[in-house]
């Protein structure tokens, strides 16, 4: 057990991998949400937003920086089919959920209805240095 802990502490932390991000982006744009859930399991997340009578899904695939030197990836697809790729420190596979919680709390404080568009702007502001839009 001590050997595994030492290996985890001494192994390099991932700062993103462009080929993984390309694959994740292609999958987000081409596979159904069901197929993405099956393929990526705990690395896949969906955040629903209500827009009138419709539910819009913002989805993402994340790789934890701490578990692999190839980690540090988050690719997000918004309901308008735009994608954002982030390579850098991704603290856990539920990284999108953490930002979603922060965003929802800010909306509650301001009595603003949360929208996918506003969440996109929130992510841009929070992750600006490592984020690219496609």
N, C-alpha and C. Protein backbone atom coordinates (compact mmCIF):
# COMPACT_ATOMS: atom_id res chain seq x y z
N UNK A 1 0.82 -1.19 0.00
CA UNK A 1 0.00 0.00 0.00
C UNK A 1 0.87 1.26 0.00
N UNK A 2 1.92 1.27 0.80
CA UNK A 2 2.81 2.42 0.87
C UNK A 2 3.50 2.65 -0.48
N UNK A 3 3.80 1.57 -1.18
CA UNK A 3 4.44 1.68 -2.50
C UNK A 3 3.50 2.36 -3.48
N UNK A 4 2.21 1.99 -3.45
CA UNK A 4 1.23 2.61 -4.35
C UNK A 4 1.07 4.10 -4.03
N UNK A 5 1.05 4.45 -2.77
CA UNK A 5 0.92 5.86 -2.38
C UNK A 5 2.14 6.65 -2.85
N UNK A 6 3.32 6.09 -2.70
CA UNK A 6 4.54 6.76 -3.15
C UNK A 6 4.55 6.92 -4.66
N UNK A 7 4.11 5.89 -5.38
CA UNK A 7 4.05 5.98 -6.84
C UNK A 7 3.09 7.09 -7.27
N UNK A 8 1.95 7.19 -6.61
CA UNK A 8 0.97 8.22 -6.95
C UNK A 8 1.53 9.61 -6.69
N UNK A 9 2.27 9.76 -5.59
CA UNK A 9 2.83 11.07 -5.25
C UNK A 9 3.99 11.46 -6.16
N UNK A 10 4.76 10.48 -6.61
CA UNK A 10 5.95 10.77 -7.39
C UNK A 10 5.72 10.74 -8.90
N UNK A 11 4.62 10.17 -9.35
CA UNK A 11 4.37 10.12 -10.79
C UNK A 11 3.96 11.51 -11.27
N UNK A 12 4.33 11.82 -12.52
CA UNK A 12 4.01 13.17 -13.02
C UNK A 12 2.50 13.37 -13.15
N UNK A 13 2.06 14.59 -12.83
CA UNK A 13 0.64 14.93 -12.96
C UNK A 13 0.40 15.32 -14.41
N UNK A 14 -0.74 14.87 -14.95
CA UNK A 14 -1.07 15.18 -16.33
C UNK A 14 -1.45 16.64 -16.52
N UNK A 15 -1.04 17.18 -17.65
CA UNK A 15 -1.39 18.55 -18.02
C UNK A 15 -2.11 18.59 -19.35
N UNK A 16 -2.71 17.49 -19.71
CA UNK A 16 -3.49 17.44 -20.95
C UNK A 16 -2.79 16.66 -22.04
N UNK A 17 -3.59 16.12 -22.94
CA UNK A 17 -3.10 15.33 -24.05
C UNK A 17 -3.97 15.65 -25.26
N UNK A 18 -3.39 16.30 -26.26
CA UNK A 18 -4.15 16.78 -27.41
C UNK A 18 -4.84 15.66 -28.18
N UNK A 19 -4.20 14.52 -28.33
CA UNK A 19 -4.84 13.44 -29.10
C UNK A 19 -6.05 12.87 -28.35
N UNK A 20 -5.96 12.78 -27.03
CA UNK A 20 -7.13 12.35 -26.25
C UNK A 20 -8.26 13.36 -26.39
N UNK A 21 -7.93 14.65 -26.30
CA UNK A 21 -8.96 15.69 -26.43
C UNK A 21 -9.63 15.63 -27.80
N UNK A 22 -8.85 15.40 -28.85
CA UNK A 22 -9.43 15.27 -30.19
C UNK A 22 -10.42 14.11 -30.25
N UNK A 23 -10.02 12.97 -29.66
CA UNK A 23 -10.91 11.79 -29.65
C UNK A 23 -12.18 12.08 -28.85
N UNK A 24 -12.03 12.71 -27.68
CA UNK A 24 -13.20 13.02 -26.86
C UNK A 24 -14.13 13.99 -27.58
N UNK A 25 -13.55 14.99 -28.23
CA UNK A 25 -14.37 15.96 -28.95
C UNK A 25 -15.14 15.28 -30.09
N UNK A 26 -14.47 14.42 -30.85
CA UNK A 26 -15.15 13.69 -31.93
C UNK A 26 -16.28 12.84 -31.38
N UNK A 27 -16.04 12.17 -30.25
CA UNK A 27 -17.09 11.32 -29.66
C UNK A 27 -18.26 12.17 -29.16
N UNK A 28 -17.98 13.29 -28.51
CA UNK A 28 -19.06 14.15 -28.02
C UNK A 28 -19.95 14.64 -29.16
N UNK A 29 -19.34 14.90 -30.31
CA UNK A 29 -20.10 15.41 -31.45
C UNK A 29 -20.79 14.33 -32.26
N UNK A 30 -20.36 13.08 -32.12
CA UNK A 30 -20.92 12.03 -32.98
C UNK A 30 -21.71 10.94 -32.27
N UNK A 31 -21.47 10.72 -30.98
CA UNK A 31 -22.15 9.63 -30.27
C UNK A 31 -23.35 10.17 -29.48
N UNK A 32 -24.32 9.30 -29.24
CA UNK A 32 -25.48 9.67 -28.41
C UNK A 32 -25.04 9.77 -26.94
N UNK A 33 -25.85 10.44 -26.13
CA UNK A 33 -25.56 10.53 -24.70
C UNK A 33 -25.49 9.14 -24.07
N UNK A 34 -26.35 8.24 -24.49
CA UNK A 34 -26.34 6.87 -23.96
C UNK A 34 -25.02 6.19 -24.29
N UNK A 35 -24.57 6.30 -25.53
CA UNK A 35 -23.31 5.68 -25.93
C UNK A 35 -22.13 6.29 -25.19
N UNK A 36 -22.18 7.61 -24.99
CA UNK A 36 -21.11 8.27 -24.24
C UNK A 36 -21.07 7.79 -22.80
N UNK A 37 -22.23 7.64 -22.16
CA UNK A 37 -22.31 7.14 -20.78
C UNK A 37 -21.69 5.75 -20.68
N UNK A 38 -22.03 4.89 -21.67
CA UNK A 38 -21.51 3.51 -21.65
C UNK A 38 -20.01 3.48 -21.89
N UNK A 39 -19.53 4.28 -22.81
CA UNK A 39 -18.11 4.25 -23.18
C UNK A 39 -17.21 4.88 -22.12
N UNK A 40 -17.63 6.02 -21.57
CA UNK A 40 -16.74 6.78 -20.67
C UNK A 40 -17.09 6.64 -19.19
N UNK A 41 -18.20 6.04 -18.87
CA UNK A 41 -18.63 5.78 -17.50
C UNK A 41 -18.44 7.00 -16.58
N UNK A 42 -17.62 6.88 -15.53
CA UNK A 42 -17.48 7.96 -14.54
C UNK A 42 -16.76 9.20 -15.07
N UNK A 43 -16.14 9.11 -16.24
CA UNK A 43 -15.47 10.28 -16.82
C UNK A 43 -16.43 11.16 -17.62
N UNK A 44 -17.67 10.69 -17.83
CA UNK A 44 -18.67 11.44 -18.60
C UNK A 44 -19.66 12.10 -17.66
N UNK A 45 -20.02 13.35 -17.95
CA UNK A 45 -20.98 14.07 -17.11
C UNK A 45 -21.97 14.83 -17.98
N UNK A 46 -23.18 14.97 -17.48
CA UNK A 46 -24.22 15.76 -18.15
C UNK A 46 -24.78 16.78 -17.15
N UNK A 47 -24.96 18.01 -17.62
CA UNK A 47 -25.57 19.06 -16.81
C UNK A 47 -26.80 19.54 -17.58
N UNK A 48 -28.01 19.30 -17.06
CA UNK A 48 -29.22 19.73 -17.77
C UNK A 48 -29.59 21.18 -17.44
N UNK A 49 -30.04 21.90 -18.44
CA UNK A 49 -30.55 23.26 -18.28
C UNK A 49 -31.92 23.33 -18.92
N UNK A 50 -32.86 23.99 -18.26
CA UNK A 50 -34.21 24.15 -18.81
C UNK A 50 -34.25 25.43 -19.63
N UNK A 51 -34.75 25.29 -20.86
CA UNK A 51 -34.91 26.45 -21.75
C UNK A 51 -36.34 26.41 -22.27
N UNK A 52 -37.22 27.11 -21.59
CA UNK A 52 -38.63 27.04 -21.95
C UNK A 52 -39.15 25.65 -21.68
N UNK A 53 -39.70 24.98 -22.69
CA UNK A 53 -40.22 23.62 -22.55
C UNK A 53 -39.15 22.56 -22.80
N UNK A 54 -37.96 22.97 -23.22
CA UNK A 54 -36.91 22.02 -23.58
C UNK A 54 -35.87 21.90 -22.47
N UNK A 55 -35.27 20.73 -22.42
CA UNK A 55 -34.11 20.52 -21.54
C UNK A 55 -32.89 20.44 -22.45
N UNK A 56 -31.93 21.32 -22.21
CA UNK A 56 -30.69 21.34 -22.98
C UNK A 56 -29.59 20.71 -22.15
N UNK A 57 -28.81 19.85 -22.78
CA UNK A 57 -27.77 19.12 -22.07
C UNK A 57 -26.40 19.68 -22.43
N UNK A 58 -25.65 20.07 -21.42
CA UNK A 58 -24.23 20.36 -21.58
C UNK A 58 -23.51 19.12 -21.08
N UNK A 59 -22.61 18.58 -21.89
CA UNK A 59 -21.94 17.33 -21.52
C UNK A 59 -20.43 17.48 -21.60
N UNK A 60 -19.72 16.60 -20.90
CA UNK A 60 -18.26 16.68 -20.87
C UNK A 60 -17.64 15.33 -20.60
N UNK A 61 -16.42 15.18 -21.07
CA UNK A 61 -15.58 14.03 -20.73
C UNK A 61 -14.34 14.62 -20.05
N UNK A 62 -14.00 14.08 -18.88
CA UNK A 62 -12.87 14.59 -18.10
C UNK A 62 -11.90 13.46 -17.76
N UNK A 63 -10.62 13.78 -17.78
CA UNK A 63 -9.56 12.89 -17.29
C UNK A 63 -8.88 13.57 -16.12
N UNK A 64 -8.84 12.91 -15.00
CA UNK A 64 -8.21 13.43 -13.79
C UNK A 64 -6.70 13.59 -13.99
N UNK A 65 -6.17 14.75 -13.64
CA UNK A 65 -4.72 15.02 -13.74
C UNK A 65 -3.91 14.14 -12.79
N UNK A 66 -4.50 13.79 -11.66
CA UNK A 66 -3.74 13.11 -10.60
C UNK A 66 -3.56 11.62 -10.85
N UNK A 67 -4.38 11.03 -11.70
CA UNK A 67 -4.32 9.57 -11.87
C UNK A 67 -3.50 9.14 -13.07
N UNK A 68 -3.07 10.05 -13.91
CA UNK A 68 -2.33 9.66 -15.11
C UNK A 68 -1.56 10.84 -15.66
N UNK A 69 -0.37 10.57 -16.18
CA UNK A 69 0.38 11.65 -16.82
C UNK A 69 -0.25 12.07 -18.14
N UNK A 70 -1.25 11.30 -18.63
CA UNK A 70 -1.99 11.67 -19.84
C UNK A 70 -3.30 12.37 -19.48
N UNK A 71 -3.57 12.53 -18.19
CA UNK A 71 -4.78 13.18 -17.73
C UNK A 71 -4.67 14.69 -17.85
N UNK A 72 -5.63 15.36 -17.27
CA UNK A 72 -5.65 16.82 -17.35
C UNK A 72 -6.43 17.33 -18.54
N UNK A 73 -7.46 16.57 -18.93
CA UNK A 73 -8.27 16.91 -20.10
C UNK A 73 -9.72 17.09 -19.71
N UNK A 74 -10.36 18.11 -20.27
CA UNK A 74 -11.80 18.26 -20.15
C UNK A 74 -12.31 18.81 -21.49
N UNK A 75 -13.21 18.08 -22.11
CA UNK A 75 -13.83 18.53 -23.34
C UNK A 75 -15.32 18.68 -23.07
N UNK A 76 -15.85 19.87 -23.33
CA UNK A 76 -17.24 20.19 -23.02
C UNK A 76 -17.99 20.46 -24.32
N UNK A 77 -19.19 19.89 -24.45
CA UNK A 77 -20.06 20.18 -25.59
C UNK A 77 -21.32 20.86 -25.05
N UNK A 78 -21.62 22.02 -25.62
CA UNK A 78 -22.80 22.78 -25.24
C UNK A 78 -23.96 22.47 -26.18
N UNK A 79 -25.17 22.78 -25.77
CA UNK A 79 -26.35 22.47 -26.60
C UNK A 79 -26.30 23.07 -28.01
N UNK A 80 -25.57 24.17 -28.19
CA UNK A 80 -25.47 24.76 -29.53
C UNK A 80 -24.41 24.08 -30.39
N UNK A 81 -23.89 22.94 -29.90
CA UNK A 81 -22.90 22.11 -30.58
C UNK A 81 -21.50 22.71 -30.61
N UNK A 82 -21.26 23.81 -29.88
CA UNK A 82 -19.89 24.29 -29.75
C UNK A 82 -19.19 23.45 -28.69
N UNK A 83 -17.90 23.33 -28.84
CA UNK A 83 -17.11 22.57 -27.87
C UNK A 83 -15.99 23.44 -27.35
N UNK A 84 -15.59 23.14 -26.13
CA UNK A 84 -14.44 23.77 -25.51
C UNK A 84 -13.52 22.67 -25.01
N UNK A 85 -12.24 22.86 -25.25
CA UNK A 85 -11.24 21.90 -24.82
C UNK A 85 -10.36 22.58 -23.78
N UNK A 86 -10.21 21.93 -22.64
CA UNK A 86 -9.35 22.44 -21.58
C UNK A 86 -8.28 21.40 -21.29
N UNK A 87 -7.03 21.84 -21.31
CA UNK A 87 -5.92 20.98 -20.91
C UNK A 87 -5.17 21.70 -19.80
N UNK A 88 -5.05 21.05 -18.68
CA UNK A 88 -4.40 21.64 -17.52
C UNK A 88 -4.75 20.83 -16.28
N UNK A 89 -4.86 21.48 -15.15
CA UNK A 89 -5.17 20.78 -13.91
C UNK A 89 -6.65 20.45 -13.85
N UNK A 90 -6.96 19.17 -13.95
CA UNK A 90 -8.33 18.67 -13.83
C UNK A 90 -8.36 17.83 -12.57
N UNK A 91 -8.97 18.36 -11.54
CA UNK A 91 -8.93 17.72 -10.22
C UNK A 91 -10.14 16.80 -10.06
N UNK A 92 -10.02 15.59 -10.56
CA UNK A 92 -11.08 14.60 -10.46
C UNK A 92 -11.90 14.50 -11.74
N UNK A 93 -12.49 13.34 -11.93
CA UNK A 93 -13.29 13.11 -13.13
C UNK A 93 -14.59 13.88 -13.11
N UNK A 94 -15.03 14.34 -11.95
CA UNK A 94 -16.25 15.12 -11.84
C UNK A 94 -16.00 16.62 -11.91
N UNK A 95 -14.97 17.02 -12.62
CA UNK A 95 -14.56 18.42 -12.67
C UNK A 95 -15.66 19.34 -13.18
N UNK A 96 -16.39 18.91 -14.21
CA UNK A 96 -17.48 19.75 -14.73
C UNK A 96 -18.55 19.95 -13.66
N UNK A 97 -18.83 18.91 -12.89
CA UNK A 97 -19.82 19.01 -11.82
C UNK A 97 -19.44 20.04 -10.77
N UNK A 98 -18.14 20.14 -10.47
CA UNK A 98 -17.69 21.13 -9.49
C UNK A 98 -17.99 22.54 -10.00
N UNK A 99 -17.67 22.80 -11.27
CA UNK A 99 -17.95 24.12 -11.84
C UNK A 99 -19.45 24.36 -11.97
N UNK A 100 -20.19 23.32 -12.27
CA UNK A 100 -21.65 23.45 -12.35
C UNK A 100 -22.22 23.86 -11.00
N UNK A 101 -21.73 23.26 -9.92
CA UNK A 101 -22.20 23.61 -8.57
C UNK A 101 -21.89 25.06 -8.24
N UNK A 102 -20.69 25.51 -8.59
CA UNK A 102 -20.33 26.92 -8.35
C UNK A 102 -21.24 27.85 -9.14
N UNK A 103 -21.50 27.50 -10.40
CA UNK A 103 -22.35 28.32 -11.25
C UNK A 103 -23.78 28.37 -10.72
N UNK A 104 -24.32 27.22 -10.34
CA UNK A 104 -25.70 27.17 -9.82
C UNK A 104 -25.82 27.99 -8.54
N UNK A 105 -24.80 27.93 -7.68
CA UNK A 105 -24.83 28.71 -6.44
C UNK A 105 -24.81 30.21 -6.74
N UNK A 106 -24.02 30.62 -7.75
CA UNK A 106 -23.99 32.03 -8.14
C UNK A 106 -25.34 32.46 -8.70
N UNK A 107 -25.99 31.59 -9.46
CA UNK A 107 -27.31 31.91 -10.00
C UNK A 107 -28.34 32.04 -8.88
N UNK A 108 -28.27 31.15 -7.89
CA UNK A 108 -29.19 31.22 -6.75
C UNK A 108 -29.03 32.54 -6.01
N UNK A 109 -27.77 32.96 -5.80
CA UNK A 109 -27.51 34.21 -5.08
C UNK A 109 -28.09 35.42 -5.82
N UNK A 110 -28.00 35.39 -7.13
CA UNK A 110 -28.46 36.55 -7.92
C UNK A 110 -29.89 36.39 -8.41
N UNK A 111 -30.54 35.30 -8.03
CA UNK A 111 -31.91 35.00 -8.48
C UNK A 111 -32.02 34.94 -10.00
N UNK A 112 -30.94 34.54 -10.65
CA UNK A 112 -30.89 34.41 -12.11
C UNK A 112 -31.17 32.96 -12.48
N UNK A 113 -31.98 32.76 -13.50
CA UNK A 113 -32.24 31.40 -13.98
C UNK A 113 -31.00 30.89 -14.72
N UNK A 114 -30.49 29.71 -14.35
CA UNK A 114 -29.28 29.20 -15.01
C UNK A 114 -29.57 28.78 -16.46
N UNK A 115 -28.69 29.18 -17.38
CA UNK A 115 -28.82 28.78 -18.77
C UNK A 115 -27.51 28.18 -19.25
N UNK A 116 -27.58 27.36 -20.28
CA UNK A 116 -26.38 26.76 -20.86
C UNK A 116 -25.45 27.85 -21.39
N UNK A 117 -26.01 28.88 -21.98
CA UNK A 117 -25.20 29.98 -22.52
C UNK A 117 -24.42 30.68 -21.40
N UNK A 118 -25.09 30.97 -20.30
CA UNK A 118 -24.41 31.63 -19.18
C UNK A 118 -23.36 30.72 -18.55
N UNK A 119 -23.64 29.40 -18.53
CA UNK A 119 -22.66 28.45 -18.00
C UNK A 119 -21.41 28.44 -18.88
N UNK A 120 -21.61 28.52 -20.19
CA UNK A 120 -20.48 28.58 -21.12
C UNK A 120 -19.61 29.80 -20.80
N UNK A 121 -20.23 30.96 -20.59
CA UNK A 121 -19.48 32.17 -20.27
C UNK A 121 -18.77 32.05 -18.92
N UNK A 122 -19.42 31.40 -17.96
CA UNK A 122 -18.83 31.15 -16.65
C UNK A 122 -17.56 30.30 -16.79
N UNK A 123 -17.66 29.21 -17.57
CA UNK A 123 -16.49 28.34 -17.77
C UNK A 123 -15.37 29.08 -18.47
N UNK A 124 -15.71 29.88 -19.47
CA UNK A 124 -14.68 30.66 -20.17
C UNK A 124 -13.90 31.54 -19.20
N UNK A 125 -14.62 32.19 -18.30
CA UNK A 125 -13.96 33.08 -17.34
C UNK A 125 -13.10 32.30 -16.35
N UNK A 126 -13.59 31.16 -15.90
CA UNK A 126 -12.86 30.37 -14.89
C UNK A 126 -11.63 29.66 -15.46
N UNK A 127 -11.74 29.16 -16.69
CA UNK A 127 -10.69 28.28 -17.25
C UNK A 127 -9.91 28.93 -18.38
N UNK A 128 -10.01 30.22 -18.51
CA UNK A 128 -9.47 30.94 -19.67
C UNK A 128 -8.07 30.50 -20.12
N UNK A 129 -7.07 30.38 -19.26
CA UNK A 129 -5.72 30.10 -19.76
C UNK A 129 -5.60 28.78 -20.54
N UNK A 130 -6.35 27.75 -20.16
CA UNK A 130 -6.19 26.46 -20.82
C UNK A 130 -7.33 26.09 -21.74
N UNK A 131 -8.23 27.02 -22.03
CA UNK A 131 -9.46 26.69 -22.76
C UNK A 131 -9.37 27.17 -24.20
N UNK A 132 -9.77 26.30 -25.12
CA UNK A 132 -9.87 26.68 -26.53
C UNK A 132 -11.26 26.35 -27.03
N UNK A 133 -11.80 27.21 -27.87
CA UNK A 133 -13.14 27.03 -28.42
C UNK A 133 -13.04 26.42 -29.81
N UNK A 134 -13.94 25.50 -30.12
CA UNK A 134 -13.95 24.87 -31.45
C UNK A 134 -15.32 25.01 -32.05
